[in-house]
Structures are given as structure tokens and as C-alpha cells.
Amino acid sequence: MRSVFLTVLVTFSATAGAEGFDYDYFSVGYGVIDFDEVGVDGNGYSIAGSVSIAPKFHLFAGYDGGNLDFDVDVTTWGAGFGYNTSLSDRTDAYARLSYEYIEVDVPLGGSADDNGLGFGVGLRYAASDRLELDAGINYVDYGDAGDDTGFAAGGLYNFTDSFALGLAGEWSDDVSVYSLNGRFYFGN
């Protein structure tokens, strides 16, 4: 199973305002998953969050659960440390380092798990006062399960200073993921 699933359903954006981008949020999401080479599809949900610990640093964590064809269940979670910096009044760059875990359960009681490190970099762009776009590259290295690199992109529309709704996608050699995400900001 390719390791790109650990970033499934998670986008790295939050709201942008006059004071800059907000790295204090809680999000929930629902998405569809397509493993290209093996013809397996499914859906899943996510819970994620981020909290600022200094003006340019934040902690983050996320949990993803997926139900695939043939009664295969996939669970991932990760937690780590991020650095963010302003490139302009409308653009932020970020880098993240994380510990990652994956578990795959198959019918008749079989399961496998692995853990490793993840690294991601990306840009967040405030297209307007209400619309934020983001794009990034994520790399994960699970010891025995291998490694993978994926590209992610998404957008969020901020209905209020405390709530946004968005779409996101992630693509790698073997997996495509599309998700709908709700964000709740608590740093405003």
C-alpha cells in the first residue's frame, strides 16, 4: 500500500486576513480514494488540527480513516512540527516534519502496520479576502512499506472569520484523492 494515503483528506490551508494566515484550526473532511494500478476505490474521513506556538512555528496532527473495496480498512495518523513564513502580504510558505503511522486491515483478520517520517513544503495564497488557494509537495518514508511523493492542491472559501469550506486533491503515481473539508478557526 503506497504511503501517500497518510496525507489523504488533509489540506494545509487556513484563513488569510489582514494579520496574515491563521495556523490555529480544527478541520473535518470526507473524500474519495482511487488506487490506480490495483483498481481499488473507497471513501474516508479525516480529522486534523494545527496550533501556533510562536509567530512562525506551529504544531499539527491528523487522523484519517478509509474504507476501501474488498472490506479493506486503512488508518493513518501523523503529528509534527511546522515552520511558516510570509513571502508577501498574500503568500505564505511552509515546511513540515512529522512522525507518521499507517495500518491496513484486510478481511479474515489480517493486518499490517508501519511508521516513519514525513516532510512537506508548500505555498498558501490569499486570492481574495475570502478565498485561499494552496499547493504543496509531500514526501513520506515508511521503513518497510516504502516511500512516496505526492502533489496536493486545494482551496477554501471563508464564509466567516471562524468557518471555511473547501475542496482538495492529492495525486501520486498510484493514488488519487479528492475531498471536501470544513475548517473551524479558533485563533481569531
N, C-alpha and C. Protein backbone atom coordinates (compact mmCIF):
# COMPACT_ATOMS: atom_id res chain seq x y z
N MET A 1 0.86 -1.16 0.00
CA MET A 1 0.00 0.00 0.00
C MET A 1 0.91 1.23 0.00
N ARG A 2 0.66 2.14 -0.87
CA ARG A 2 1.51 3.32 -1.00
C ARG A 2 1.27 4.27 0.16
N SER A 3 2.30 4.94 0.57
CA SER A 3 2.24 5.77 1.78
C SER A 3 1.60 7.13 1.59
N VAL A 4 1.25 7.50 0.37
CA VAL A 4 0.65 8.81 0.17
C VAL A 4 -0.68 8.95 0.90
N PHE A 5 -1.30 7.82 1.28
CA PHE A 5 -2.60 7.88 1.95
C PHE A 5 -2.56 8.68 3.25
N LEU A 6 -1.38 8.77 3.87
CA LEU A 6 -1.32 9.47 5.15
C LEU A 6 -1.68 10.95 5.04
N THR A 7 -1.56 11.51 3.86
CA THR A 7 -1.94 12.91 3.71
C THR A 7 -3.32 13.06 3.08
N VAL A 8 -4.02 11.93 2.94
CA VAL A 8 -5.34 11.94 2.36
C VAL A 8 -6.27 12.84 3.16
N LEU A 9 -7.05 13.57 2.48
CA LEU A 9 -8.12 14.39 3.05
C LEU A 9 -7.64 15.57 3.88
N VAL A 10 -6.37 15.81 3.85
CA VAL A 10 -5.88 16.92 4.63
C VAL A 10 -5.32 17.96 3.69
N THR A 11 -5.82 19.17 3.79
CA THR A 11 -5.19 20.29 3.10
C THR A 11 -4.49 21.12 4.14
N PHE A 12 -3.52 21.90 3.72
CA PHE A 12 -2.71 22.63 4.66
C PHE A 12 -3.08 24.10 4.72
N SER A 13 -4.29 24.43 4.34
CA SER A 13 -4.61 25.84 4.34
C SER A 13 -5.51 26.22 5.50
N ALA A 14 -5.50 27.48 5.79
CA ALA A 14 -6.39 28.09 6.78
C ALA A 14 -6.75 29.46 6.25
N THR A 15 -7.35 30.27 7.05
CA THR A 15 -7.83 31.55 6.56
C THR A 15 -6.73 32.60 6.50
N ALA A 16 -6.86 33.51 5.56
CA ALA A 16 -5.93 34.64 5.46
C ALA A 16 -6.71 35.90 5.76
N GLY A 17 -6.12 36.78 6.50
CA GLY A 17 -6.79 38.03 6.82
C GLY A 17 -5.79 39.15 6.86
N ALA A 18 -6.17 40.25 7.40
CA ALA A 18 -5.30 41.42 7.45
C ALA A 18 -4.04 41.13 8.24
N GLU A 19 -4.10 40.28 9.26
CA GLU A 19 -2.94 39.96 10.09
C GLU A 19 -2.13 38.80 9.52
N GLY A 20 -2.49 38.22 8.39
CA GLY A 20 -1.77 37.10 7.82
C GLY A 20 -2.59 35.82 7.88
N PHE A 21 -1.92 34.72 7.68
CA PHE A 21 -2.58 33.43 7.64
C PHE A 21 -2.75 32.86 9.04
N ASP A 22 -3.85 32.16 9.25
CA ASP A 22 -4.18 31.60 10.56
C ASP A 22 -3.75 30.13 10.59
N TYR A 23 -2.90 29.77 11.53
CA TYR A 23 -2.45 28.39 11.71
C TYR A 23 -3.10 27.74 12.93
N ASP A 24 -4.19 28.32 13.42
CA ASP A 24 -4.95 27.76 14.54
C ASP A 24 -6.31 27.31 14.02
N TYR A 25 -6.47 26.00 13.80
CA TYR A 25 -7.72 25.50 13.24
C TYR A 25 -7.96 24.04 13.63
N PHE A 26 -9.19 23.63 13.43
CA PHE A 26 -9.63 22.24 13.56
C PHE A 26 -10.41 21.95 12.29
N SER A 27 -10.20 20.80 11.65
CA SER A 27 -10.92 20.51 10.41
C SER A 27 -11.45 19.08 10.41
N VAL A 28 -12.51 18.90 9.65
CA VAL A 28 -13.08 17.58 9.37
C VAL A 28 -13.27 17.49 7.87
N GLY A 29 -13.14 16.27 7.34
CA GLY A 29 -13.26 16.12 5.90
C GLY A 29 -13.81 14.76 5.51
N TYR A 30 -14.30 14.69 4.27
CA TYR A 30 -14.79 13.45 3.67
C TYR A 30 -14.23 13.40 2.25
N GLY A 31 -13.75 12.23 1.83
CA GLY A 31 -13.17 12.15 0.50
C GLY A 31 -13.33 10.81 -0.17
N VAL A 32 -12.97 10.78 -1.46
CA VAL A 32 -12.96 9.55 -2.24
C VAL A 32 -11.51 9.24 -2.62
N ILE A 33 -11.19 7.93 -2.66
CA ILE A 33 -9.84 7.46 -2.87
C ILE A 33 -9.83 6.50 -4.05
N ASP A 34 -8.84 6.64 -4.94
CA ASP A 34 -8.72 5.76 -6.10
C ASP A 34 -7.27 5.29 -6.22
N PHE A 35 -7.05 3.99 -6.00
CA PHE A 35 -5.73 3.39 -6.22
C PHE A 35 -5.69 2.93 -7.67
N ASP A 36 -4.90 3.61 -8.48
CA ASP A 36 -4.92 3.44 -9.93
C ASP A 36 -4.53 2.04 -10.40
N GLU A 37 -3.39 1.53 -9.98
CA GLU A 37 -2.87 0.28 -10.54
C GLU A 37 -3.60 -0.97 -10.09
N VAL A 38 -4.18 -0.97 -8.90
CA VAL A 38 -4.84 -2.17 -8.40
C VAL A 38 -6.36 -2.12 -8.54
N GLY A 39 -6.91 -1.03 -9.05
CA GLY A 39 -8.34 -0.94 -9.29
C GLY A 39 -9.17 -0.95 -8.02
N VAL A 40 -8.65 -0.38 -6.93
CA VAL A 40 -9.37 -0.34 -5.66
C VAL A 40 -9.80 1.10 -5.40
N ASP A 41 -11.05 1.25 -5.01
CA ASP A 41 -11.60 2.57 -4.68
C ASP A 41 -12.14 2.53 -3.26
N GLY A 42 -12.49 3.71 -2.75
CA GLY A 42 -13.09 3.76 -1.44
C GLY A 42 -13.40 5.18 -1.04
N ASN A 43 -13.75 5.34 0.21
CA ASN A 43 -14.01 6.67 0.76
C ASN A 43 -13.45 6.72 2.17
N GLY A 44 -13.38 7.93 2.70
CA GLY A 44 -12.81 8.06 4.04
C GLY A 44 -13.14 9.39 4.67
N TYR A 45 -12.70 9.54 5.88
CA TYR A 45 -12.94 10.76 6.64
C TYR A 45 -11.64 11.18 7.30
N SER A 46 -11.57 12.43 7.71
CA SER A 46 -10.36 12.93 8.37
C SER A 46 -10.71 13.91 9.47
N ILE A 47 -9.81 13.98 10.42
CA ILE A 47 -9.86 14.98 11.49
C ILE A 47 -8.43 15.51 11.59
N ALA A 48 -8.28 16.82 11.59
CA ALA A 48 -6.94 17.40 11.65
C ALA A 48 -6.97 18.71 12.42
N GLY A 49 -5.81 19.15 12.83
CA GLY A 49 -5.73 20.42 13.54
C GLY A 49 -4.33 20.97 13.54
N SER A 50 -4.25 22.25 13.85
CA SER A 50 -2.98 22.95 13.92
C SER A 50 -3.09 24.02 14.99
N VAL A 51 -1.99 24.27 15.69
CA VAL A 51 -1.98 25.32 16.70
C VAL A 51 -0.64 26.05 16.65
N SER A 52 -0.69 27.36 16.63
CA SER A 52 0.52 28.18 16.62
C SER A 52 1.19 28.11 17.99
N ILE A 53 2.51 27.99 17.99
CA ILE A 53 3.25 28.01 19.25
C ILE A 53 4.19 29.21 19.32
N ALA A 54 4.37 29.90 18.20
CA ALA A 54 5.17 31.12 18.09
C ALA A 54 4.78 31.74 16.75
N PRO A 55 5.15 32.99 16.49
CA PRO A 55 4.72 33.63 15.24
C PRO A 55 5.04 32.84 13.97
N LYS A 56 6.13 32.08 13.92
CA LYS A 56 6.49 31.35 12.70
C LYS A 56 6.50 29.84 12.87
N PHE A 57 5.96 29.33 13.99
CA PHE A 57 6.00 27.90 14.25
C PHE A 57 4.63 27.39 14.69
N HIS A 58 4.32 26.16 14.29
CA HIS A 58 3.05 25.55 14.67
C HIS A 58 3.24 24.04 14.84
N LEU A 59 2.35 23.45 15.64
CA LEU A 59 2.25 22.01 15.79
C LEU A 59 1.01 21.57 15.02
N PHE A 60 1.02 20.35 14.49
CA PHE A 60 -0.15 19.87 13.76
C PHE A 60 -0.31 18.37 13.97
N ALA A 61 -1.51 17.88 13.75
CA ALA A 61 -1.80 16.45 13.86
C ALA A 61 -3.00 16.13 12.99
N GLY A 62 -3.11 14.89 12.57
CA GLY A 62 -4.24 14.47 11.76
C GLY A 62 -4.48 12.98 11.86
N TYR A 63 -5.73 12.59 11.69
CA TYR A 63 -6.15 11.20 11.71
C TYR A 63 -7.03 10.97 10.48
N ASP A 64 -6.76 9.89 9.73
CA ASP A 64 -7.56 9.55 8.55
C ASP A 64 -8.02 8.11 8.66
N GLY A 65 -9.26 7.86 8.29
CA GLY A 65 -9.79 6.51 8.24
C GLY A 65 -10.41 6.27 6.89
N GLY A 66 -10.08 5.17 6.24
CA GLY A 66 -10.60 4.88 4.91
C GLY A 66 -11.16 3.48 4.82
N ASN A 67 -12.27 3.35 4.09
CA ASN A 67 -12.89 2.07 3.81
C ASN A 67 -12.79 1.84 2.31
N LEU A 68 -12.05 0.79 1.93
CA LEU A 68 -11.80 0.51 0.53
C LEU A 68 -12.58 -0.72 0.08
N ASP A 69 -12.57 -0.95 -1.23
CA ASP A 69 -13.20 -2.15 -1.78
C ASP A 69 -12.63 -3.40 -1.10
N PHE A 70 -13.40 -4.48 -1.15
CA PHE A 70 -13.00 -5.79 -0.61
C PHE A 70 -12.83 -5.75 0.91
N ASP A 71 -13.56 -4.85 1.58
CA ASP A 71 -13.55 -4.72 3.04
C ASP A 71 -12.17 -4.43 3.63
N VAL A 72 -11.37 -3.67 2.92
CA VAL A 72 -10.06 -3.26 3.41
C VAL A 72 -10.21 -1.92 4.11
N ASP A 73 -9.68 -1.83 5.33
CA ASP A 73 -9.71 -0.58 6.09
C ASP A 73 -8.28 -0.06 6.25
N VAL A 74 -8.13 1.24 6.07
CA VAL A 74 -6.83 1.88 6.21
C VAL A 74 -6.95 3.00 7.23
N THR A 75 -6.03 3.03 8.18
CA THR A 75 -6.00 4.08 9.19
C THR A 75 -4.61 4.71 9.18
N THR A 76 -4.57 6.03 9.18
CA THR A 76 -3.29 6.73 9.28
C THR A 76 -3.43 7.85 10.29
N TRP A 77 -2.33 8.18 10.90
CA TRP A 77 -2.28 9.38 11.73
C TRP A 77 -0.86 9.90 11.71
N GLY A 78 -0.76 11.18 11.94
CA GLY A 78 0.55 11.81 11.95
C GLY A 78 0.52 13.04 12.84
N ALA A 79 1.70 13.42 13.33
CA ALA A 79 1.82 14.60 14.16
C ALA A 79 3.21 15.17 13.96
N GLY A 80 3.29 16.50 14.01
CA GLY A 80 4.60 17.08 13.80
C GLY A 80 4.69 18.56 14.08
N PHE A 81 5.73 19.11 13.54
CA PHE A 81 6.16 20.47 13.79
C PHE A 81 6.28 21.19 12.45
N GLY A 82 5.79 22.45 12.39
CA GLY A 82 5.85 23.19 11.15
C GLY A 82 6.46 24.57 11.30
N TYR A 83 7.06 25.05 10.22
CA TYR A 83 7.61 26.40 10.14
C TYR A 83 6.88 27.11 9.02
N ASN A 84 6.42 28.34 9.26
CA ASN A 84 5.75 29.12 8.24
C ASN A 84 6.33 30.53 8.20
N THR A 85 6.41 31.08 6.99
CA THR A 85 6.95 32.43 6.83
C THR A 85 6.21 33.16 5.72
N SER A 86 6.08 34.44 5.86
CA SER A 86 5.39 35.26 4.88
C SER A 86 6.35 35.61 3.74
N LEU A 87 5.91 35.38 2.51
CA LEU A 87 6.68 35.80 1.34
C LEU A 87 6.19 37.16 0.84
N SER A 88 4.92 37.45 1.11
CA SER A 88 4.30 38.74 0.79
C SER A 88 3.05 38.86 1.64
N ASP A 89 2.30 39.94 1.50
CA ASP A 89 1.07 40.08 2.28
C ASP A 89 -0.01 39.11 1.84
N ARG A 90 0.17 38.42 0.70
CA ARG A 90 -0.82 37.47 0.20
C ARG A 90 -0.31 36.04 0.11
N THR A 91 0.97 35.80 0.41
CA THR A 91 1.55 34.47 0.22
C THR A 91 2.39 34.05 1.42
N ASP A 92 2.16 32.84 1.87
CA ASP A 92 2.95 32.21 2.93
C ASP A 92 3.60 30.95 2.35
N ALA A 93 4.79 30.64 2.84
CA ALA A 93 5.45 29.36 2.54
C ALA A 93 5.53 28.59 3.85
N TYR A 94 5.45 27.26 3.77
CA TYR A 94 5.55 26.44 4.97
C TYR A 94 6.38 25.19 4.70
N ALA A 95 6.94 24.64 5.76
CA ALA A 95 7.64 23.35 5.74
C ALA A 95 7.21 22.61 6.99
N ARG A 96 7.01 21.29 6.86
CA ARG A 96 6.54 20.47 7.98
C ARG A 96 7.32 19.17 8.06
N LEU A 97 7.64 18.76 9.28
CA LEU A 97 8.29 17.49 9.56
C LEU A 97 7.39 16.73 10.52
N SER A 98 7.14 15.43 10.24
CA SER A 98 6.17 14.70 11.06
C SER A 98 6.55 13.24 11.25
N TYR A 99 6.00 12.66 12.32
CA TYR A 99 6.00 11.23 12.55
C TYR A 99 4.71 10.70 11.96
N GLU A 100 4.76 9.59 11.20
CA GLU A 100 3.59 9.06 10.52
C GLU A 100 3.40 7.58 10.84
N TYR A 101 2.14 7.16 10.89
CA TYR A 101 1.78 5.77 11.18
C TYR A 101 0.68 5.34 10.22
N ILE A 102 0.75 4.10 9.73
CA ILE A 102 -0.27 3.55 8.85
C ILE A 102 -0.59 2.12 9.27
N GLU A 103 -1.88 1.76 9.21
CA GLU A 103 -2.32 0.40 9.49
C GLU A 103 -3.34 0.00 8.44
N VAL A 104 -3.19 -1.19 7.90
CA VAL A 104 -4.10 -1.74 6.89
C VAL A 104 -4.69 -3.02 7.45
N ASP A 105 -6.03 -3.10 7.50
CA ASP A 105 -6.73 -4.30 7.95
C ASP A 105 -7.47 -4.91 6.77
N VAL A 106 -7.30 -6.20 6.57
CA VAL A 106 -7.96 -6.92 5.48
C VAL A 106 -8.92 -7.94 6.07
N PRO A 107 -9.86 -8.44 5.27
CA PRO A 107 -10.82 -9.43 5.77
C PRO A 107 -10.11 -10.66 6.37
N LEU A 108 -10.80 -11.34 7.22
CA LEU A 108 -10.31 -12.55 7.89
C LEU A 108 -9.18 -12.26 8.87
N GLY A 109 -9.13 -11.01 9.38
CA GLY A 109 -8.22 -10.70 10.47
C GLY A 109 -6.79 -10.34 10.13
N GLY A 110 -6.42 -10.26 8.89
CA GLY A 110 -5.06 -9.89 8.55
C GLY A 110 -4.84 -8.39 8.66
N SER A 111 -3.66 -8.00 9.13
CA SER A 111 -3.35 -6.58 9.21
C SER A 111 -1.84 -6.37 9.12
N ALA A 112 -1.48 -5.17 8.75
CA ALA A 112 -0.07 -4.77 8.70
C ALA A 112 0.00 -3.31 9.08
N ASP A 113 1.11 -2.95 9.73
CA ASP A 113 1.28 -1.54 10.08
C ASP A 113 2.74 -1.15 9.91
N ASP A 114 2.98 0.14 9.86
CA ASP A 114 4.33 0.65 9.72
C ASP A 114 4.33 2.10 10.18
N ASN A 115 5.52 2.63 10.42
CA ASN A 115 5.64 4.03 10.79
C ASN A 115 6.89 4.61 10.15
N GLY A 116 6.96 5.94 10.14
CA GLY A 116 8.11 6.58 9.52
C GLY A 116 8.03 8.09 9.65
N LEU A 117 8.75 8.76 8.79
CA LEU A 117 8.82 10.22 8.81
C LEU A 117 8.21 10.81 7.55
N GLY A 118 7.61 11.99 7.71
CA GLY A 118 7.05 12.72 6.59
C GLY A 118 7.64 14.11 6.52
N PHE A 119 7.68 14.65 5.32
CA PHE A 119 8.16 16.02 5.11
C PHE A 119 7.32 16.64 4.01
N GLY A 120 6.89 17.88 4.21
CA GLY A 120 6.11 18.58 3.21
C GLY A 120 6.49 20.04 3.12
N VAL A 121 6.37 20.60 1.94
CA VAL A 121 6.58 22.02 1.70
C VAL A 121 5.44 22.51 0.83
N GLY A 122 5.09 23.79 0.98
CA GLY A 122 4.01 24.32 0.16
C GLY A 122 3.86 25.81 0.25
N LEU A 123 2.90 26.31 -0.51
CA LEU A 123 2.56 27.72 -0.55
C LEU A 123 1.08 27.89 -0.29
N ARG A 124 0.74 28.97 0.40
CA ARG A 124 -0.66 29.36 0.63
C ARG A 124 -0.81 30.76 0.04
N TYR A 125 -1.87 30.96 -0.74
CA TYR A 125 -2.07 32.21 -1.43
C TYR A 125 -3.48 32.74 -1.16
N ALA A 126 -3.58 33.97 -0.69
CA ALA A 126 -4.87 34.62 -0.46
C ALA A 126 -5.31 35.27 -1.77
N ALA A 127 -6.15 34.57 -2.53
CA ALA A 127 -6.63 35.09 -3.81
C ALA A 127 -7.57 36.28 -3.61
N SER A 128 -8.26 36.30 -2.47
CA SER A 128 -9.12 37.42 -2.08
C SER A 128 -9.25 37.39 -0.56
N ASP A 129 -10.05 38.27 0.01
CA ASP A 129 -10.26 38.26 1.45
C ASP A 129 -10.96 36.98 1.92
N ARG A 130 -11.67 36.30 1.02
CA ARG A 130 -12.43 35.11 1.40
C ARG A 130 -11.90 33.81 0.80
N LEU A 131 -11.13 33.88 -0.27
CA LEU A 131 -10.68 32.67 -0.97
C LEU A 131 -9.19 32.45 -0.80
N GLU A 132 -8.82 31.27 -0.31
CA GLU A 132 -7.42 30.89 -0.18
C GLU A 132 -7.14 29.66 -1.02
N LEU A 133 -6.02 29.69 -1.74
CA LEU A 133 -5.56 28.57 -2.54
C LEU A 133 -4.25 28.05 -1.95
N ASP A 134 -4.02 26.75 -2.05
CA ASP A 134 -2.76 26.20 -1.54
C ASP A 134 -2.29 25.06 -2.43
N ALA A 135 -0.98 24.83 -2.41
CA ALA A 135 -0.38 23.73 -3.16
C ALA A 135 0.88 23.30 -2.42
N GLY A 136 1.16 22.01 -2.48
CA GLY A 136 2.34 21.53 -1.80
C GLY A 136 2.80 20.18 -2.31
N ILE A 137 4.00 19.81 -1.88
CA ILE A 137 4.57 18.50 -2.18
C ILE A 137 4.83 17.81 -0.85
N ASN A 138 4.41 16.55 -0.75
CA ASN A 138 4.54 15.77 0.49
C ASN A 138 5.32 14.50 0.21
N TYR A 139 6.27 14.21 1.06
CA TYR A 139 7.08 13.00 0.96
C TYR A 139 6.95 12.22 2.27
N VAL A 140 6.77 10.90 2.17
CA VAL A 140 6.69 10.04 3.34
C VAL A 140 7.59 8.83 3.14
N ASP A 141 8.32 8.48 4.17
CA ASP A 141 9.16 7.29 4.13
C ASP A 141 8.77 6.38 5.30
N TYR A 142 8.01 5.31 4.96
CA TYR A 142 7.69 4.27 5.93
C TYR A 142 8.73 3.19 5.73
N GLY A 143 9.47 2.82 6.72
CA GLY A 143 10.52 1.82 6.59
C GLY A 143 10.20 0.68 5.64
N ASP A 144 9.42 -0.30 6.07
CA ASP A 144 9.14 -1.49 5.28
C ASP A 144 8.12 -1.25 4.17
N ALA A 145 7.21 -0.33 4.34
CA ALA A 145 6.15 -0.09 3.36
C ALA A 145 6.60 0.80 2.21
N GLY A 146 7.82 1.30 2.26
CA GLY A 146 8.34 2.10 1.16
C GLY A 146 8.11 3.59 1.36
N ASP A 147 8.35 4.34 0.30
CA ASP A 147 8.18 5.78 0.36
C ASP A 147 7.35 6.25 -0.82
N ASP A 148 6.90 7.49 -0.75
CA ASP A 148 6.08 8.04 -1.82
C ASP A 148 6.12 9.55 -1.76
N THR A 149 5.95 10.16 -2.91
CA THR A 149 5.88 11.61 -3.04
C THR A 149 4.58 11.94 -3.75
N GLY A 150 3.85 12.92 -3.23
CA GLY A 150 2.59 13.33 -3.85
C GLY A 150 2.47 14.84 -3.92
N PHE A 151 1.67 15.30 -4.87
CA PHE A 151 1.36 16.71 -5.04
C PHE A 151 -0.05 16.95 -4.54
N ALA A 152 -0.25 18.01 -3.76
CA ALA A 152 -1.58 18.34 -3.23
C ALA A 152 -1.92 19.78 -3.59
N ALA A 153 -3.21 20.03 -3.84
CA ALA A 153 -3.68 21.38 -4.13
C ALA A 153 -5.11 21.50 -3.63
N GLY A 154 -5.50 22.71 -3.26
CA GLY A 154 -6.86 22.90 -2.78
C GLY A 154 -7.21 24.36 -2.65
N GLY A 155 -8.43 24.57 -2.23
CA GLY A 155 -8.92 25.92 -2.00
C GLY A 155 -9.96 25.91 -0.91
N LEU A 156 -10.03 27.02 -0.17
CA LEU A 156 -11.01 27.18 0.89
C LEU A 156 -11.73 28.51 0.70
N TYR A 157 -13.04 28.49 0.88
CA TYR A 157 -13.81 29.73 0.87
C TYR A 157 -14.23 30.01 2.31
N ASN A 158 -13.85 31.17 2.83
CA ASN A 158 -14.14 31.55 4.21
C ASN A 158 -15.51 32.24 4.28
N PHE A 159 -16.49 31.53 4.78
CA PHE A 159 -17.83 32.10 4.93
C PHE A 159 -17.87 33.12 6.06
N THR A 160 -17.11 32.88 7.12
CA THR A 160 -16.99 33.81 8.24
C THR A 160 -15.52 33.80 8.67
N ASP A 161 -15.18 34.59 9.67
CA ASP A 161 -13.82 34.55 10.21
C ASP A 161 -13.54 33.24 10.94
N SER A 162 -14.59 32.48 11.26
CA SER A 162 -14.42 31.25 12.04
C SER A 162 -14.70 29.97 11.26
N PHE A 163 -15.21 30.05 10.01
CA PHE A 163 -15.57 28.84 9.28
C PHE A 163 -15.28 28.98 7.79
N ALA A 164 -14.71 27.90 7.24
CA ALA A 164 -14.44 27.83 5.80
C ALA A 164 -14.79 26.43 5.30
N LEU A 165 -15.10 26.34 4.02
CA LEU A 165 -15.40 25.08 3.36
C LEU A 165 -14.55 25.02 2.10
N GLY A 166 -13.98 23.85 1.82
CA GLY A 166 -13.09 23.78 0.66
C GLY A 166 -13.02 22.43 0.02
N LEU A 167 -12.39 22.42 -1.16
CA LEU A 167 -12.11 21.21 -1.92
C LEU A 167 -10.61 21.03 -2.03
N ALA A 168 -10.17 19.77 -2.04
CA ALA A 168 -8.74 19.50 -2.16
C ALA A 168 -8.53 18.23 -2.97
N GLY A 169 -7.34 18.11 -3.53
CA GLY A 169 -6.96 16.90 -4.26
C GLY A 169 -5.51 16.58 -3.99
N GLU A 170 -5.19 15.29 -4.10
CA GLU A 170 -3.79 14.86 -3.98
C GLU A 170 -3.54 13.75 -4.98
N TRP A 171 -2.39 13.84 -5.64
CA TRP A 171 -2.06 12.90 -6.69
C TRP A 171 -0.63 12.40 -6.52
N SER A 172 -0.46 11.08 -6.68
CA SER A 172 0.87 10.48 -6.72
C SER A 172 0.85 9.45 -7.84
N ASP A 173 1.89 8.64 -7.94
CA ASP A 173 1.94 7.65 -9.01
C ASP A 173 0.81 6.64 -8.93
N ASP A 174 0.37 6.30 -7.73
CA ASP A 174 -0.58 5.21 -7.57
C ASP A 174 -1.95 5.61 -7.03
N VAL A 175 -2.07 6.78 -6.42
CA VAL A 175 -3.29 7.14 -5.71
C VAL A 175 -3.75 8.54 -6.09
N SER A 176 -5.07 8.68 -6.25
CA SER A 176 -5.71 9.98 -6.42
C SER A 176 -6.76 10.13 -5.33
N VAL A 177 -6.80 11.30 -4.69
CA VAL A 177 -7.73 11.54 -3.60
C VAL A 177 -8.39 12.90 -3.82
N TYR A 178 -9.71 12.96 -3.62
CA TYR A 178 -10.48 14.20 -3.72
C TYR A 178 -11.32 14.34 -2.46
N SER A 179 -11.31 15.52 -1.83
CA SER A 179 -12.01 15.66 -0.56
C SER A 179 -12.73 16.99 -0.42
N LEU A 180 -13.73 16.98 0.45
CA LEU A 180 -14.48 18.16 0.88
C LEU A 180 -14.14 18.36 2.34
N ASN A 181 -13.71 19.58 2.73
CA ASN A 181 -13.23 19.84 4.08
C ASN A 181 -13.91 21.04 4.70
N GLY A 182 -14.23 20.95 5.97
CA GLY A 182 -14.74 22.07 6.74
C GLY A 182 -13.70 22.48 7.76
N ARG A 183 -13.43 23.79 7.86
CA ARG A 183 -12.43 24.29 8.81
C ARG A 183 -13.08 25.20 9.83
N PHE A 184 -12.68 25.06 11.08
CA PHE A 184 -13.14 25.89 12.16
C PHE A 184 -11.91 26.55 12.79
N TYR A 185 -11.84 27.86 12.74
CA TYR A 185 -10.69 28.60 13.22
C TYR A 185 -10.92 29.05 14.65
N PHE A 186 -9.89 28.93 15.48
CA PHE A 186 -10.02 29.39 16.86
C PHE A 186 -8.95 30.40 17.22
N GLY A 187 -8.15 30.84 16.26
CA GLY A 187 -7.08 31.78 16.53
C GLY A 187 -7.47 33.24 16.30
N ASN A 188 -8.69 33.48 15.83
CA ASN A 188 -9.12 34.85 15.51
C ASN A 188 -9.53 35.62 16.73
